[in-house]
Amino acid sequence: MPTDKEHVHNRIAVLRAERGVSRRDLATALGVHYQTVGYLERGEYSPSLHLALRIAAYFEVPVEVVFSLTPFPRLGSTT
């Protein structure tokens, strides 16, 4: 597991849920194993720059919407 310094936070699960995309469907579109998507979502694996950009492109959002070095605020949070 990456150290706090190396940890990359992400919103992959949120984006998948919003769009009704399964882990398997996302993995197929990205050309990775479906377990890789699970590892990414749980923060057990940090993506390469290439994979991060492909994920952002898949969801048609800037990479900063999907990935961050600091935790994302909770949904519904005012801060």
PDB file of N, CA and C in Angstrom:
ATOM      1  N   MET A   1       0.853  -1.184   0.000  1.00  0.00           N
ATOM      2  CA  MET A   1       0.000   0.000   0.000  1.00  0.00           C
ATOM      3  C   MET A   1       0.894   1.241   0.000  1.00  0.00           C
ATOM      4  N   PRO A   2       0.547   2.263  -0.798  1.00  0.00           N
ATOM      5  CA  PRO A   2       1.372   3.462  -0.852  1.00  0.00           C
ATOM      6  C   PRO A   2       1.375   4.197   0.487  1.00  0.00           C
ATOM      7  N   THR A   3       2.472   4.885   0.772  1.00  0.00           N
ATOM      8  CA  THR A   3       2.526   5.720   1.969  1.00  0.00           C
ATOM      9  C   THR A   3       1.644   6.935   1.746  1.00  0.00           C
ATOM     10  N   ASP A   4       1.363   7.683   2.831  1.00  0.00           N
ATOM     11  CA  ASP A   4       0.526   8.883   2.704  1.00  0.00           C
ATOM     12  C   ASP A   4       1.101   9.846   1.676  1.00  0.00           C
ATOM     13  N   LYS A   5       2.428   9.928   1.641  1.00  0.00           N
ATOM     14  CA  LYS A   5       3.090  10.822   0.692  1.00  0.00           C
ATOM     15  C   LYS A   5       2.816  10.418  -0.752  1.00  0.00           C
ATOM     16  N   GLU A   6       2.686   9.129  -0.993  1.00  0.00           N
ATOM     17  CA  GLU A   6       2.520   8.605  -2.346  1.00  0.00           C
ATOM     18  C   GLU A   6       1.060   8.327  -2.703  1.00  0.00           C
ATOM     19  N   HIS A   7       0.162   8.437  -1.746  1.00  0.00           N
ATOM     20  CA  HIS A   7      -1.236   8.066  -1.974  1.00  0.00           C
ATOM     21  C   HIS A   7      -1.925   9.052  -2.914  1.00  0.00           C
ATOM     22  N   VAL A   8      -2.619   8.511  -3.883  1.00  0.00           N
ATOM     23  CA  VAL A   8      -3.402   9.325  -4.817  1.00  0.00           C
ATOM     24  C   VAL A   8      -4.870   9.023  -4.555  1.00  0.00           C
ATOM     25  N   HIS A   9      -5.623  10.041  -4.192  1.00  0.00           N
ATOM     26  CA  HIS A   9      -7.057   9.890  -3.941  1.00  0.00           C
ATOM     27  C   HIS A   9      -7.786   9.957  -5.286  1.00  0.00           C
ATOM     28  N   ASN A  10      -8.926   9.264  -5.353  1.00  0.00           N
ATOM     29  CA  ASN A  10      -9.660   9.290  -6.621  1.00  0.00           C
ATOM     30  C   ASN A  10     -11.158   9.206  -6.405  1.00  0.00           C
ATOM     31  N   ARG A  11     -11.867   9.556  -7.461  1.00  0.00           N
ATOM     32  CA  ARG A  11     -13.333   9.507  -7.478  1.00  0.00           C
ATOM     33  C   ARG A  11     -13.833   8.510  -8.529  1.00  0.00           C
ATOM     34  N   ILE A  12     -13.080   7.505  -8.801  1.00  0.00           N
ATOM     35  CA  ILE A  12     -13.474   6.551  -9.845  1.00  0.00           C
ATOM     36  C   ILE A  12     -14.807   5.899  -9.504  1.00  0.00           C
ATOM     37  N   ALA A  13     -14.965   5.431  -8.272  1.00  0.00           N
ATOM     38  CA  ALA A  13     -16.211   4.751  -7.892  1.00  0.00           C
ATOM     39  C   ALA A  13     -17.406   5.680  -8.021  1.00  0.00           C
ATOM     40  N   VAL A  14     -17.249   6.940  -7.637  1.00  0.00           N
ATOM     41  CA  VAL A  14     -18.340   7.916  -7.736  1.00  0.00           C
ATOM     42  C   VAL A  14     -18.710   8.136  -9.203  1.00  0.00           C
ATOM     43  N   LEU A  15     -17.705   8.326 -10.036  1.00  0.00           N
ATOM     44  CA  LEU A  15     -17.963   8.547 -11.467  1.00  0.00           C
ATOM     45  C   LEU A  15     -18.605   7.318 -12.102  1.00  0.00           C
ATOM     46  N   ARG A  16     -18.148   6.130 -11.724  1.00  0.00           N
ATOM     47  CA  ARG A  16     -18.759   4.903 -12.263  1.00  0.00           C
ATOM     48  C   ARG A  16     -20.223   4.820 -11.864  1.00  0.00           C
ATOM     49  N   ALA A  17     -20.498   5.099 -10.582  1.00  0.00           N
ATOM     50  CA  ALA A  17     -21.880   5.009 -10.078  1.00  0.00           C
ATOM     51  C   ALA A  17     -22.781   6.023 -10.774  1.00  0.00           C
ATOM     52  N   GLU A  18     -22.295   7.239 -10.937  1.00  0.00           N
ATOM     53  CA  GLU A  18     -23.087   8.279 -11.609  1.00  0.00           C
ATOM     54  C   GLU A  18     -23.455   7.874 -13.029  1.00  0.00           C
ATOM     55  N   ARG A  19     -22.567   7.166 -13.669  1.00  0.00           N
ATOM     56  CA  ARG A  19     -22.779   6.819 -15.082  1.00  0.00           C
ATOM     57  C   ARG A  19     -23.270   5.386 -15.294  1.00  0.00           C
ATOM     58  N   GLY A  20     -23.417   4.635 -14.204  1.00  0.00           N
ATOM     59  CA  GLY A  20     -23.903   3.267 -14.318  1.00  0.00           C
ATOM     60  C   GLY A  20     -22.933   2.341 -15.024  1.00  0.00           C
ATOM     61  N   VAL A  21     -21.642   2.541 -14.787  1.00  0.00           N
ATOM     62  CA  VAL A  21     -20.597   1.734 -15.432  1.00  0.00           C
ATOM     63  C   VAL A  21     -20.046   0.735 -14.423  1.00  0.00           C
ATOM     64  N   SER A  22     -19.991  -0.527 -14.798  1.00  0.00           N
ATOM     65  CA  SER A  22     -19.431  -1.541 -13.907  1.00  0.00           C
ATOM     66  C   SER A  22     -17.901  -1.491 -13.943  1.00  0.00           C
ATOM     67  N   ARG A  23     -17.286  -2.091 -12.934  1.00  0.00           N
ATOM     68  CA  ARG A  23     -15.819  -2.197 -12.936  1.00  0.00           C
ATOM     69  C   ARG A  23     -15.346  -2.927 -14.185  1.00  0.00           C
ATOM     70  N   ARG A  24     -16.051  -3.975 -14.511  1.00  0.00           N
ATOM     71  CA  ARG A  24     -15.659  -4.782 -15.673  1.00  0.00           C
ATOM     72  C   ARG A  24     -15.751  -3.967 -16.969  1.00  0.00           C
ATOM     73  N   ASP A  25     -16.820  -3.189 -17.124  1.00  0.00           N
ATOM     74  CA  ASP A  25     -16.980  -2.371 -18.333  1.00  0.00           C
ATOM     75  C   ASP A  25     -15.887  -1.307 -18.428  1.00  0.00           C
ATOM     76  N   LEU A  26     -15.576  -0.663 -17.300  1.00  0.00           N
ATOM     77  CA  LEU A  26     -14.514   0.338 -17.297  1.00  0.00           C
ATOM     78  C   LEU A  26     -13.177  -0.311 -17.627  1.00  0.00           C
ATOM     79  N   ALA A  27     -12.908  -1.451 -17.023  1.00  0.00           N
ATOM     80  CA  ALA A  27     -11.655  -2.156 -17.282  1.00  0.00           C
ATOM     81  C   ALA A  27     -11.521  -2.530 -18.752  1.00  0.00           C
ATOM     82  N   THR A  28     -12.589  -3.016 -19.340  1.00  0.00           N
ATOM     83  CA  THR A  28     -12.572  -3.382 -20.760  1.00  0.00           C
ATOM     84  C   THR A  28     -12.266  -2.160 -21.625  1.00  0.00           C
ATOM     85  N   ALA A  29     -12.907  -1.043 -21.308  1.00  0.00           N
ATOM     86  CA  ALA A  29     -12.689   0.181 -22.081  1.00  0.00           C
ATOM     87  C   ALA A  29     -11.250   0.684 -21.958  1.00  0.00           C
ATOM     88  N   LEU A  30     -10.647   0.449 -20.794  1.00  0.00           N
ATOM     89  CA  LEU A  30      -9.286   0.922 -20.552  1.00  0.00           C
ATOM     90  C   LEU A  30      -8.216  -0.092 -20.940  1.00  0.00           C
ATOM     91  N   GLY A  31      -8.630  -1.331 -21.181  1.00  0.00           N
ATOM     92  CA  GLY A  31      -7.669  -2.371 -21.529  1.00  0.00           C
ATOM     93  C   GLY A  31      -6.878  -2.869 -20.331  1.00  0.00           C
ATOM     94  N   VAL A  32      -7.536  -2.871 -19.145  1.00  0.00           N
ATOM     95  CA  VAL A  32      -6.891  -3.393 -17.938  1.00  0.00           C
ATOM     96  C   VAL A  32      -7.782  -4.478 -17.340  1.00  0.00           C
ATOM     97  N   HIS A  33      -7.253  -5.229 -16.386  1.00  0.00           N
ATOM     98  CA  HIS A  33      -8.028  -6.254 -15.701  1.00  0.00           C
ATOM     99  C   HIS A  33      -9.030  -5.575 -14.775  1.00  0.00           C
ATOM    100  N   TYR A  34     -10.210  -6.152 -14.616  1.00  0.00           N
ATOM    101  CA  TYR A  34     -11.233  -5.508 -13.785  1.00  0.00           C
ATOM    102  C   TYR A  34     -10.777  -5.347 -12.336  1.00  0.00           C
ATOM    103  N   GLN A  35      -9.896  -6.240 -11.863  1.00  0.00           N
ATOM    104  CA  GLN A  35      -9.397  -6.100 -10.494  1.00  0.00           C
ATOM    105  C   GLN A  35      -8.534  -4.850 -10.335  1.00  0.00           C
ATOM    106  N   THR A  36      -7.906  -4.424 -11.412  1.00  0.00           N
ATOM    107  CA  THR A  36      -7.107  -3.201 -11.368  1.00  0.00           C
ATOM    108  C   THR A  36      -7.984  -2.011 -11.018  1.00  0.00           C
ATOM    109  N   VAL A  37      -9.183  -1.980 -11.557  1.00  0.00           N
ATOM    110  CA  VAL A  37     -10.113  -0.889 -11.248  1.00  0.00           C
ATOM    111  C   VAL A  37     -10.435  -0.907  -9.748  1.00  0.00           C
ATOM    112  N   GLY A  38     -10.653  -2.072  -9.192  1.00  0.00           N
ATOM    113  CA  GLY A  38     -10.911  -2.186  -7.754  1.00  0.00           C
ATOM    114  C   GLY A  38      -9.726  -1.716  -6.930  1.00  0.00           C
ATOM    115  N   TYR A  39      -8.520  -2.108  -7.331  1.00  0.00           N
ATOM    116  CA  TYR A  39      -7.314  -1.665  -6.618  1.00  0.00           C
ATOM    117  C   TYR A  39      -7.192  -0.148  -6.654  1.00  0.00           C
ATOM    118  N   LEU A  40      -7.481   0.441  -7.818  1.00  0.00           N
ATOM    119  CA  LEU A  40      -7.430   1.896  -7.952  1.00  0.00           C
ATOM    120  C   LEU A  40      -8.457   2.557  -7.032  1.00  0.00           C
ATOM    121  N   GLU A  41      -9.680   2.064  -7.064  1.00  0.00           N
ATOM    122  CA  GLU A  41     -10.753   2.663  -6.255  1.00  0.00           C
ATOM    123  C   GLU A  41     -10.444   2.607  -4.768  1.00  0.00           C
ATOM    124  N   ARG A  42      -9.840   1.533  -4.319  1.00  0.00           N
ATOM    125  CA  ARG A  42      -9.518   1.376  -2.897  1.00  0.00           C
ATOM    126  C   ARG A  42      -8.216   2.063  -2.509  1.00  0.00           C
ATOM    127  N   GLY A  43      -7.522   2.633  -3.478  1.00  0.00           N
ATOM    128  CA  GLY A  43      -6.261   3.297  -3.184  1.00  0.00           C
ATOM    129  C   GLY A  43      -5.112   2.350  -2.943  1.00  0.00           C
ATOM    130  N   GLU A  44      -5.260   1.098  -3.368  1.00  0.00           N
ATOM    131  CA  GLU A  44      -4.196   0.107  -3.203  1.00  0.00           C
ATOM    132  C   GLU A  44      -3.174   0.191  -4.327  1.00  0.00           C
ATOM    133  N   TYR A  45      -3.488   0.965  -5.336  1.00  0.00           N
ATOM    134  CA  TYR A  45      -2.637   1.094  -6.507  1.00  0.00           C
ATOM    135  C   TYR A  45      -2.805   2.501  -7.055  1.00  0.00           C
ATOM    136  N   SER A  46      -1.686   3.163  -7.337  1.00  0.00           N
ATOM    137  CA  SER A  46      -1.738   4.480  -7.970  1.00  0.00           C
ATOM    138  C   SER A  46      -1.497   4.304  -9.463  1.00  0.00           C
ATOM    139  N   PRO A  47      -2.316   4.918 -10.285  1.00  0.00           N
ATOM    140  CA  PRO A  47      -2.189   4.716 -11.727  1.00  0.00           C
ATOM    141  C   PRO A  47      -0.975   5.430 -12.303  1.00  0.00           C
ATOM    142  N   SER A  48      -0.504   4.911 -13.413  1.00  0.00           N
ATOM    143  CA  SER A  48       0.506   5.638 -14.184  1.00  0.00           C
ATOM    144  C   SER A  48      -0.157   6.894 -14.727  1.00  0.00           C
ATOM    145  N   LEU A  49       0.642   7.839 -15.141  1.00  0.00           N
ATOM    146  CA  LEU A  49       0.091   9.058 -15.733  1.00  0.00           C
ATOM    147  C   LEU A  49      -0.757   8.706 -16.951  1.00  0.00           C
ATOM    148  N   HIS A  50      -0.275   7.790 -17.757  1.00  0.00           N
ATOM    149  CA  HIS A  50      -1.001   7.382 -18.957  1.00  0.00           C
ATOM    150  C   HIS A  50      -2.376   6.820 -18.609  1.00  0.00           C
ATOM    151  N   LEU A  51      -2.426   5.938 -17.608  1.00  0.00           N
ATOM    152  CA  LEU A  51      -3.707   5.352 -17.217  1.00  0.00           C
ATOM    153  C   LEU A  51      -4.618   6.409 -16.600  1.00  0.00           C
ATOM    154  N   ALA A  52      -4.075   7.297 -15.781  1.00  0.00           N
ATOM    155  CA  ALA A  52      -4.883   8.363 -15.175  1.00  0.00           C
ATOM    156  C   ALA A  52      -5.518   9.238 -16.250  1.00  0.00           C
ATOM    157  N   LEU A  53      -4.757   9.586 -17.263  1.00  0.00           N
ATOM    158  CA  LEU A  53      -5.283  10.407 -18.352  1.00  0.00           C
ATOM    159  C   LEU A  53      -6.344   9.651 -19.155  1.00  0.00           C
ATOM    160  N   ARG A  54      -6.145   8.358 -19.349  1.00  0.00           N
ATOM    161  CA  ARG A  54      -7.148   7.553 -20.068  1.00  0.00           C
ATOM    162  C   ARG A  54      -8.447   7.456 -19.277  1.00  0.00           C
ATOM    163  N   ILE A  55      -8.338   7.326 -17.947  1.00  0.00           N
ATOM    164  CA  ILE A  55      -9.541   7.267 -17.105  1.00  0.00           C
ATOM    165  C   ILE A  55     -10.293   8.589 -17.190  1.00  0.00           C
ATOM    166  N   ALA A  56      -9.583   9.693 -17.078  1.00  0.00           N
ATOM    167  CA  ALA A  56     -10.219  11.013 -17.179  1.00  0.00           C
ATOM    168  C   ALA A  56     -10.875  11.189 -18.542  1.00  0.00           C
ATOM    169  N   ALA A  57     -10.197  10.771 -19.590  1.00  0.00           N
ATOM    170  CA  ALA A  57     -10.758  10.876 -20.940  1.00  0.00           C
ATOM    171  C   ALA A  57     -12.016  10.018 -21.074  1.00  0.00           C
ATOM    172  N   TYR A  58     -11.991   8.829 -20.484  1.00  0.00           N
ATOM    173  CA  TYR A  58     -13.162   7.940 -20.546  1.00  0.00           C
ATOM    174  C   TYR A  58     -14.389   8.643 -19.949  1.00  0.00           C
ATOM    175  N   PHE A  59     -14.191   9.304 -18.801  1.00  0.00           N
ATOM    176  CA  PHE A  59     -15.299   9.981 -18.141  1.00  0.00           C
ATOM    177  C   PHE A  59     -15.530  11.396 -18.678  1.00  0.00           C
ATOM    178  N   GLU A  60     -14.689  11.821 -19.611  1.00  0.00           N
ATOM    179  CA  GLU A  60     -14.787  13.135 -20.259  1.00  0.00           C
ATOM    180  C   GLU A  60     -14.746  14.275 -19.245  1.00  0.00           C
ATOM    181  N   VAL A  61     -13.774  14.169 -18.316  1.00  0.00           N
ATOM    182  CA  VAL A  61     -13.550  15.201 -17.308  1.00  0.00           C
ATOM    183  C   VAL A  61     -12.053  15.456 -17.206  1.00  0.00           C
ATOM    184  N   PRO A  62     -11.662  16.619 -16.666  1.00  0.00           N
ATOM    185  CA  PRO A  62     -10.235  16.863 -16.431  1.00  0.00           C
ATOM    186  C   PRO A  62      -9.688  15.867 -15.405  1.00  0.00           C
ATOM    187  N   VAL A  63      -8.428  15.545 -15.514  1.00  0.00           N
ATOM    188  CA  VAL A  63      -7.818  14.564 -14.621  1.00  0.00           C
ATOM    189  C   VAL A  63      -7.957  14.988 -13.156  1.00  0.00           C
ATOM    190  N   GLU A  64      -7.993  16.298 -12.879  1.00  0.00           N
ATOM    191  CA  GLU A  64      -8.125  16.782 -11.503  1.00  0.00           C
ATOM    192  C   GLU A  64      -9.489  16.458 -10.898  1.00  0.00           C
ATOM    193  N   VAL A  65     -10.473  16.179 -11.724  1.00  0.00           N
ATOM    194  CA  VAL A  65     -11.797  15.796 -11.229  1.00  0.00           C
ATOM    195  C   VAL A  65     -11.752  14.360 -10.707  1.00  0.00           C
ATOM    196  N   VAL A  66     -10.873  13.549 -11.274  1.00  0.00           N
ATOM    197  CA  VAL A  66     -10.792  12.138 -10.907  1.00  0.00           C
ATOM    198  C   VAL A  66      -9.746  11.890  -9.825  1.00  0.00           C
ATOM    199  N   PHE A  67      -8.607  12.569  -9.906  1.00  0.00           N
ATOM    200  CA  PHE A  67      -7.480  12.282  -9.016  1.00  0.00           C
ATOM    201  C   PHE A  67      -7.019  13.519  -8.258  1.00  0.00           C
ATOM    202  N   SER A  68      -6.530  13.293  -7.032  1.00  0.00           N
ATOM    203  CA  SER A  68      -6.023  14.377  -6.198  1.00  0.00           C
ATOM    204  C   SER A  68      -4.978  13.836  -5.228  1.00  0.00           C
ATOM    205  N   LEU A  69      -4.041  14.675  -4.847  1.00  0.00           N
ATOM    206  CA  LEU A  69      -3.051  14.300  -3.835  1.00  0.00           C
ATOM    207  C   LEU A  69      -3.603  14.498  -2.425  1.00  0.00           C
ATOM    208  N   THR A  70      -4.698  15.247  -2.297  1.00  0.00           N
ATOM    209  CA  THR A  70      -5.354  15.438  -1.010  1.00  0.00           C
ATOM    210  C   THR A  70      -6.751  14.833  -1.081  1.00  0.00           C
ATOM    211  N   PRO A  71      -7.294  14.433   0.064  1.00  0.00           N
ATOM    212  CA  PRO A  71      -8.639  13.833   0.038  1.00  0.00           C
ATOM    213  C   PRO A  71      -9.673  14.798  -0.528  1.00  0.00           C
ATOM    214  N   PHE A  72     -10.617  14.229  -1.257  1.00  0.00           N
ATOM    215  CA  PHE A  72     -11.730  15.020  -1.773  1.00  0.00           C
ATOM    216  C   PHE A  72     -12.686  15.313  -0.624  1.00  0.00           C
ATOM    217  N   PRO A  73     -13.363  16.480  -0.653  1.00  0.00           N
ATOM    218  CA  PRO A  73     -14.383  16.724   0.392  1.00  0.00           C
ATOM    219  C   PRO A  73     -15.515  15.726   0.225  1.00  0.00           C
ATOM    220  N   ARG A  74     -16.151  15.412   1.335  1.00  0.00           N
ATOM    221  CA  ARG A  74     -17.299  14.499   1.274  1.00  0.00           C
ATOM    222  C   ARG A  74     -18.427  15.146   0.488  1.00  0.00           C
ATOM    223  N   LEU A  75     -19.173  14.353  -0.219  1.00  0.00           N
ATOM    224  CA  LEU A  75     -20.321  14.874  -0.955  1.00  0.00           C
ATOM    225  C   LEU A  75     -21.296  15.492   0.025  1.00  0.00           C
ATOM    226  N   GLY A  76     -21.809  16.665  -0.303  1.00  0.00           N
ATOM    227  CA  GLY A  76     -22.721  17.367   0.577  1.00  0.00           C
ATOM    228  C   GLY A  76     -22.023  18.255   1.587  1.00  0.00           C
ATOM    229  N   SER A  77     -20.683  18.186   1.605  1.00  0.00           N
ATOM    230  CA  SER A  77     -19.897  19.021   2.514  1.00  0.00           C
ATOM    231  C   SER A  77     -19.880  20.457   2.011  1.00  0.00           C
ATOM    232  N   THR A  78     -19.902  21.405   2.932  1.00  0.00           N
ATOM    233  CA  THR A  78     -19.878  22.808   2.534  1.00  0.00           C
ATOM    234  C   THR A  78     -18.462  23.348   2.426  1.00  0.00           C
ATOM    235  N   THR A  79     -17.465  22.561   2.823  1.00  0.00           N
ATOM    236  CA  THR A  79     -16.060  23.011   2.719  1.00  0.00           C
ATOM    237  C   THR A  79     -15.338  22.296   1.625  1.00  0.00           C
TER     238      THR A  79
END
